[in-house]
Amino acid sequence: MFTDRVTLEMIAGKGGNGVVAWKREKYIAKGGPTGGNGGDGGAIVLQADSGVFALDWFRNKRHIRAENGQQGGSSCRTGRKGKTLTLRVPAGTLVKDAKTGELIADLTESGETLTLCSGGKGGRGNESFKSPTNQAPNICTPGKPGETRLVELELKLIADVGLVGFPNAGKSTLMNALTHLKVKCAAYPFTTLRPNLSFMKLPDQRRIYIADIPGLIGGASEDRGLGFEFLRHVERTKLLIFVLDASGIDGRDPLSDLEVLRKEIDAYSKEILQKPYLIVLNKLDDPESTPHVFAFEEAMEKEKHPFFQISALTGQGLEELIEAIADAFFSQSV
């Protein structure tokens, strides 16, 4: 199961207690206080890691605790500090305060770290209270509790290009054709139940990262189908590709599909629709596609937006599409 949003209570380690101890040795007339301080509690640190692709590790967790510090010892020994708990999260993870919704951090770069909760300070032993006017202090202090925060981790994939389309439009087949990733493909809707991320390698060895988003349907804004569950993963993309089914499956046609996709995305975020986009008419290998292609061409003449006719299954038109993706993406990167 793909997990891209979790709410967790993070609890840093408590500081160890200070202790009261005395030096008592044979033949030594005067002893003295020797109680050591407690060790500090462990902190909780989040680290972005490009090798982690989802928040699955956190799925069944509600509370995460760092190690407590140990109490001090006699002979002025300081207790051991609690170990810092470093949690790896995907690059592209938003960290929010779960109560207020305030954004705490956006971890976009691999290796970037955030100290989310600091450990509690260790308590003082009686040796630390010794002074010229108080040679035999008989007091110590307890360790302080570590910071506690209720946070929401939300993943937004960091991809250059996002594939958006109806279920069974051929997005997964296109993903397989453009990248080295082998995504499950089948002749039924909602084959893809989680976003997929991979890269397309160009002849000059440059890479373009592509996200395949599970299919939208009409009424997604009313929570039909998968609703808007995964649209957040195209918010960071620089280029959208609308993948349309030219075969007219289930009585649909690509022109109406495009309008529905635009409407549903607009209901989610008007900013996404402002992104540059390409339109891809897929499944030209299907004999039923011909009348739909003619109707689509006529409609697009009025809109004056180019579109690409391909068959992701046979490879027809893919070279031209790859060139267009590279041109559109790198023109945005300048």
Protein backbone atom coordinates (compact mmCIF):
# COMPACT_ATOMS: atom_id res chain seq x y z
CA MET A 1 0.00 0.00 0.00
CA PHE A 2 1.35 3.41 -1.02
CA THR A 3 1.39 5.83 1.92
CA ASP A 4 1.87 9.53 1.21
CA ARG A 5 0.33 11.14 4.30
CA VAL A 6 0.66 10.26 8.00
CA THR A 7 0.05 11.96 11.34
CA LEU A 8 2.50 11.15 14.12
CA GLU A 9 3.28 12.18 17.66
CA MET A 10 7.03 12.71 17.93
CA ILE A 11 8.48 12.50 21.44
CA ALA A 12 12.13 13.31 22.09
CA GLY A 13 14.00 11.53 24.87
CA LYS A 14 13.76 12.64 28.49
CA GLY A 15 16.94 13.78 30.18
CA GLY A 16 18.44 11.48 32.81
CA ASN A 17 18.15 12.40 36.47
CA GLY A 18 21.00 13.80 38.46
CA VAL A 19 21.97 11.81 41.58
CA VAL A 20 23.13 12.40 45.14
CA ALA A 21 26.30 10.50 46.00
CA TRP A 22 29.16 10.87 48.48
CA LYS A 23 32.78 9.98 48.51
CA ARG A 24 33.50 7.59 51.41
CA GLU A 25 36.87 5.87 51.42
CA LYS A 26 38.84 4.30 54.24
CA TYR A 27 41.60 6.45 55.69
CA ILE A 28 40.20 9.60 53.96
CA ALA A 29 38.98 11.92 56.70
CA LYS A 30 36.72 14.08 54.60
CA GLY A 31 34.65 12.94 51.63
CA GLY A 32 32.38 15.10 49.58
CA PRO A 33 29.58 15.16 47.03
CA THR A 34 30.23 13.03 43.92
CA GLY A 35 26.79 12.74 42.33
CA GLY A 36 26.97 13.08 38.53
CA ASN A 37 24.64 14.79 36.08
CA GLY A 38 22.12 12.95 33.95
CA GLY A 39 22.62 12.58 30.21
CA ASP A 40 20.58 14.59 27.71
CA GLY A 41 17.68 12.87 25.96
CA GLY A 42 17.89 11.90 22.31
CA ALA A 43 16.56 14.25 19.62
CA ILE A 44 14.37 13.31 16.65
CA VAL A 45 15.74 14.32 13.26
CA LEU A 46 14.10 13.98 9.84
CA GLN A 47 16.40 13.41 6.87
CA ALA A 48 15.33 13.56 3.24
CA ASP A 49 16.57 10.56 1.26
CA SER A 50 16.18 10.15 -2.50
CA GLY A 51 16.31 6.38 -1.99
CA VAL A 52 13.01 6.41 -0.07
CA PHE A 53 9.90 6.71 -2.23
CA ALA A 54 6.96 6.63 0.20
CA LEU A 55 6.01 7.00 3.85
CA ASP A 56 5.20 3.29 4.16
CA TRP A 57 7.49 2.78 7.19
CA PHE A 58 5.30 5.15 9.22
CA ARG A 59 1.96 3.68 8.14
CA ASN A 60 1.16 1.67 11.28
CA LYS A 61 2.88 4.00 13.73
CA ARG A 62 1.23 6.67 15.86
CA HIS A 63 3.92 7.52 18.41
CA ILE A 64 7.66 7.67 17.82
CA ARG A 65 10.02 8.09 20.77
CA ALA A 66 13.71 8.82 20.95
CA GLU A 67 15.93 7.24 23.59
CA ASN A 68 16.00 8.72 27.10
CA GLY A 69 19.22 9.88 28.69
CA GLN A 70 20.58 7.79 31.55
CA GLN A 71 20.86 9.05 35.11
CA GLY A 72 24.16 10.16 36.52
CA GLY A 73 26.39 7.96 38.65
CA SER A 74 28.69 8.22 41.61
CA SER A 75 32.25 9.45 41.28
CA CYS A 76 30.94 12.41 39.25
CA ARG A 77 29.99 10.19 36.31
CA THR A 78 27.63 11.78 33.78
CA GLY A 79 24.87 9.56 32.43
CA ARG A 80 24.98 8.47 28.79
CA LYS A 81 23.14 10.67 26.33
CA GLY A 82 20.13 9.24 24.51
CA LYS A 83 20.81 8.37 20.87
CA THR A 84 19.53 10.79 18.25
CA LEU A 85 16.73 9.12 16.28
CA THR A 86 17.16 9.90 12.58
CA LEU A 87 14.10 9.12 10.46
CA ARG A 88 14.51 8.90 6.69
CA VAL A 89 11.70 10.38 4.61
CA PRO A 90 11.34 10.84 0.84
CA ALA A 91 12.67 13.98 -0.77
CA GLY A 92 9.58 16.11 -1.30
CA THR A 93 8.10 15.61 2.17
CA LEU A 94 6.19 18.48 3.73
CA VAL A 95 6.30 18.65 7.53
CA LYS A 96 3.28 20.38 9.06
CA ASP A 97 1.98 21.09 12.53
CA ALA A 98 -0.99 18.70 12.74
CA LYS A 99 -2.97 21.04 15.01
CA THR A 100 -2.57 24.33 13.15
CA GLY A 101 -1.67 23.17 9.65
CA GLU A 102 1.37 25.47 9.73
CA LEU A 103 4.21 24.40 7.44
CA ILE A 104 7.30 23.58 9.50
CA ALA A 105 9.62 22.52 6.67
CA ASP A 106 9.69 21.36 3.06
CA LEU A 107 12.41 18.73 2.67
CA THR A 108 13.12 18.78 -1.07
CA GLU A 109 16.85 18.04 -1.30
CA SER A 110 18.29 14.59 -0.57
CA GLY A 111 20.40 14.80 2.60
CA GLU A 112 18.52 17.81 3.97
CA THR A 113 17.81 17.47 7.70
CA LEU A 114 15.41 18.93 10.22
CA THR A 115 15.71 18.64 14.01
CA LEU A 116 12.05 18.20 14.78
CA CYS A 117 12.22 17.59 18.56
CA SER A 118 15.11 18.37 20.87
CA GLY A 119 15.93 16.03 23.72
CA GLY A 120 15.43 17.08 27.35
CA LYS A 121 18.38 18.34 29.36
CA GLY A 122 19.86 16.00 31.94
CA GLY A 123 19.36 16.79 35.63
CA ARG A 124 22.16 18.02 37.89
CA GLY A 125 23.89 15.85 40.46
CA ASN A 126 24.79 17.11 43.91
CA GLU A 127 28.45 17.58 42.94
CA SER A 128 27.42 20.43 40.59
CA PHE A 129 25.84 22.32 43.52
CA LYS A 130 29.05 22.39 45.58
CA SER A 131 30.29 25.87 46.40
CA PRO A 132 32.58 27.53 48.98
CA THR A 133 29.57 28.20 51.17
CA ASN A 134 27.89 24.84 50.59
CA GLN A 135 30.47 22.08 50.84
CA ALA A 136 27.98 19.23 51.24
CA PRO A 137 24.89 19.85 49.08
CA ASN A 138 22.30 17.13 49.46
CA ILE A 139 20.17 17.98 46.43
CA CYS A 140 19.87 16.94 42.80
CA THR A 141 17.43 17.71 39.98
CA PRO A 142 15.44 15.47 37.66
CA GLY A 143 15.94 15.41 33.93
CA LYS A 144 13.64 17.52 31.79
CA PRO A 145 11.20 15.96 29.34
CA GLY A 146 11.99 16.11 25.64
CA GLU A 147 9.98 18.13 23.16
CA THR A 148 6.73 16.60 21.90
CA ARG A 149 5.15 17.56 18.59
CA LEU A 150 2.13 16.30 16.70
CA VAL A 151 3.08 16.52 13.03
CA GLU A 152 1.69 15.57 9.66
CA LEU A 153 4.06 14.28 7.00
CA GLU A 154 2.76 14.78 3.47
CA LEU A 155 4.63 13.56 0.42
CA LYS A 156 4.55 15.42 -2.87
CA LEU A 157 6.60 13.58 -5.46
CA ILE A 158 9.37 15.61 -7.02
CA ALA A 159 8.93 14.92 -10.73
CA ASP A 160 9.54 17.00 -13.85
CA VAL A 161 6.58 15.71 -15.83
CA GLY A 162 3.17 14.43 -14.66
CA LEU A 163 0.98 12.06 -16.70
CA VAL A 164 -2.72 12.75 -16.13
CA GLY A 165 -5.65 10.96 -17.71
CA PHE A 166 -8.72 8.80 -17.34
CA PRO A 167 -8.38 5.21 -16.11
CA ASN A 168 -7.40 2.87 -18.94
CA ALA A 169 -6.12 5.73 -21.13
CA GLY A 170 -2.75 3.99 -21.45
CA LYS A 171 -0.70 6.07 -19.00
CA SER A 172 1.04 3.00 -17.57
CA THR A 173 1.83 1.65 -21.04
CA LEU A 174 3.25 5.06 -21.97
CA MET A 175 5.26 5.10 -18.73
CA ASN A 176 6.74 1.71 -19.65
CA ALA A 177 7.58 2.95 -23.14
CA LEU A 178 9.28 6.17 -21.98
CA THR A 179 11.18 4.84 -18.95
CA HIS A 180 12.89 1.71 -17.68
CA LEU A 181 10.12 1.15 -15.10
CA LYS A 182 7.74 -1.76 -15.67
CA VAL A 183 4.33 -0.65 -14.45
CA LYS A 184 1.43 -3.09 -14.25
CA CYS A 185 -0.82 -2.79 -17.32
CA ALA A 186 -4.20 -4.44 -17.85
CA ALA A 187 -7.37 -3.96 -19.89
CA TYR A 188 -9.48 -2.67 -16.99
CA PRO A 189 -9.79 0.67 -15.17
CA PHE A 190 -7.79 1.64 -12.08
CA THR A 191 -4.93 -0.75 -12.84
CA THR A 192 -2.68 1.88 -11.24
CA LEU A 193 -3.59 2.43 -7.60
CA ARG A 194 -0.51 4.40 -6.56
CA PRO A 195 1.68 7.02 -8.23
CA ASN A 196 4.73 5.67 -10.05
CA LEU A 197 7.95 7.61 -10.47
CA SER A 198 10.75 6.92 -12.93
CA PHE A 199 12.95 8.76 -15.41
CA MET A 200 13.34 9.08 -19.14
CA LYS A 201 16.96 9.10 -20.29
CA LEU A 202 17.76 11.29 -23.29
CA PRO A 203 20.54 10.52 -25.82
CA ASP A 204 22.79 13.12 -24.17
CA GLN A 205 22.31 11.26 -20.83
CA ARG A 206 20.12 13.95 -19.28
CA ARG A 207 17.20 12.64 -17.26
CA ILE A 208 13.60 13.78 -17.01
CA TYR A 209 11.63 12.39 -14.08
CA ILE A 210 8.06 11.36 -14.85
CA ALA A 211 5.19 10.67 -12.43
CA ASP A 212 2.30 8.44 -13.50
CA ILE A 213 -0.77 9.53 -11.52
CA PRO A 214 -3.71 7.12 -10.99
CA GLY A 215 -6.65 7.93 -13.24
CA LEU A 216 -9.13 10.72 -12.61
CA ILE A 217 -12.78 10.38 -13.52
CA GLY A 218 -15.66 12.80 -13.78
CA GLY A 219 -16.85 13.69 -10.29
CA ALA A 220 -13.41 13.30 -8.70
CA SER A 221 -14.04 16.57 -6.86
CA GLU A 222 -17.04 14.82 -5.26
CA ASP A 223 -14.79 11.96 -4.16
CA ARG A 224 -15.74 9.57 -6.95
CA GLY A 225 -13.14 7.01 -7.98
CA LEU A 226 -9.84 7.85 -6.31
CA GLY A 227 -10.96 11.47 -5.97
CA PHE A 228 -8.12 13.96 -5.57
CA GLU A 229 -6.07 11.53 -3.50
CA PHE A 230 -2.97 11.71 -5.69
CA LEU A 231 -3.23 15.04 -7.52
CA ARG A 232 -0.84 16.60 -5.02
CA HIS A 233 1.92 14.67 -6.77
CA VAL A 234 1.71 16.85 -9.89
CA GLU A 235 1.84 20.14 -7.97
CA ARG A 236 5.64 20.29 -8.22
CA THR A 237 5.90 19.25 -11.87
CA LYS A 238 6.97 21.70 -14.54
CA LEU A 239 5.03 20.04 -17.35
CA LEU A 240 1.72 18.16 -17.58
CA ILE A 241 0.86 15.56 -20.20
CA PHE A 242 -2.82 14.87 -20.76
CA VAL A 243 -3.04 11.28 -21.98
CA LEU A 244 -6.29 10.71 -23.88
CA ASP A 245 -7.79 7.48 -25.18
CA ALA A 246 -8.52 7.76 -28.91
CA SER A 247 -10.34 4.42 -29.05
CA GLY A 248 -13.57 5.79 -27.56
CA ILE A 249 -13.79 3.10 -24.92
CA ASP A 250 -17.02 2.95 -22.89
CA GLY A 251 -18.69 5.41 -25.28
CA ARG A 252 -16.34 8.25 -24.33
CA ASP A 253 -14.41 10.45 -26.71
CA PRO A 254 -11.05 12.16 -26.17
CA LEU A 255 -12.40 15.69 -26.53
CA SER A 256 -14.93 15.31 -23.71
CA ASP A 257 -12.31 13.47 -21.64
CA LEU A 258 -9.97 16.48 -21.95
CA GLU A 259 -12.69 18.86 -20.82
CA VAL A 260 -13.55 16.69 -17.81
CA LEU A 261 -9.89 16.41 -16.80
CA ARG A 262 -9.44 20.17 -16.97
CA LYS A 263 -12.60 20.76 -14.97
CA GLU A 264 -11.64 18.32 -12.22
CA ILE A 265 -8.08 19.63 -11.94
CA ASP A 266 -9.39 23.19 -11.82
CA ALA A 267 -11.65 22.18 -8.92
CA TYR A 268 -8.55 20.93 -7.09
CA SER A 269 -6.07 23.70 -7.93
CA LYS A 270 -6.21 26.47 -10.51
CA GLU A 271 -2.42 26.76 -10.29
CA ILE A 272 -1.92 23.30 -11.76
CA LEU A 273 -3.86 24.27 -14.89
CA GLN A 274 -1.50 27.22 -15.38
CA LYS A 275 1.41 24.84 -15.99
CA PRO A 276 2.65 24.18 -19.54
CA TYR A 277 1.07 21.04 -20.96
CA LEU A 278 1.14 18.62 -23.87
CA ILE A 279 -1.84 16.71 -25.22
CA VAL A 280 -1.28 13.10 -26.24
CA LEU A 281 -3.85 11.11 -28.20
CA ASN A 282 -3.04 7.47 -27.44
CA LYS A 283 -4.11 4.06 -28.83
CA LEU A 284 -3.88 4.87 -32.54
CA ASP A 285 -3.34 1.14 -33.06
CA ASP A 286 -7.03 0.60 -32.26
CA PRO A 287 -9.20 0.62 -35.43
CA GLU A 288 -11.95 2.43 -33.52
CA SER A 289 -9.72 5.48 -33.04
CA THR A 290 -9.98 6.93 -36.57
CA PRO A 291 -13.28 8.89 -36.27
CA HIS A 292 -12.29 10.21 -32.84
CA VAL A 293 -8.94 11.41 -34.18
CA PHE A 294 -10.63 13.36 -37.02
CA ALA A 295 -13.09 14.99 -34.61
CA PHE A 296 -10.27 15.86 -32.20
CA GLU A 297 -8.16 17.40 -34.97
CA GLU A 298 -11.05 19.63 -36.00
CA ALA A 299 -11.64 20.81 -32.43
CA MET A 300 -7.95 21.48 -31.81
CA GLU A 301 -7.70 23.71 -34.88
CA LYS A 302 -9.82 26.24 -33.02
CA GLU A 303 -7.77 25.95 -29.84
CA LYS A 304 -4.51 26.19 -31.80
CA HIS A 305 -2.71 23.88 -29.40
CA PRO A 306 -0.59 21.11 -30.93
CA PHE A 307 -1.20 17.53 -29.90
CA PHE A 308 0.59 14.26 -30.50
CA GLN A 309 -0.84 11.10 -31.96
CA ILE A 310 0.83 7.97 -30.62
CA SER A 311 0.47 4.33 -29.82
CA ALA A 312 2.33 3.62 -26.59
CA LEU A 313 1.82 -0.08 -27.28
CA THR A 314 3.49 -0.18 -30.73
CA GLY A 315 5.81 2.81 -30.32
CA GLN A 316 4.19 4.88 -33.08
CA GLY A 317 4.89 8.61 -32.64
CA LEU A 318 7.03 8.17 -29.50
CA GLU A 319 10.21 9.73 -30.91
CA GLU A 320 8.38 12.95 -31.76
CA LEU A 321 6.74 12.98 -28.32
CA ILE A 322 10.07 12.47 -26.53
CA GLU A 323 11.59 15.41 -28.42
CA ALA A 324 8.59 17.59 -27.53
CA ILE A 325 8.82 16.64 -23.84
CA ALA A 326 12.52 17.51 -23.76
CA ASP A 327 11.99 20.82 -25.59
CA ALA A 328 9.06 21.84 -23.39
CA PHE A 329 10.76 20.84 -20.16
CA PHE A 330 14.18 22.37 -20.77
CA SER A 331 12.68 25.58 -22.11
CA GLN A 332 10.96 25.89 -18.69
CA SER A 333 14.25 25.16 -16.89
CA VAL A 334 16.16 28.03 -18.49
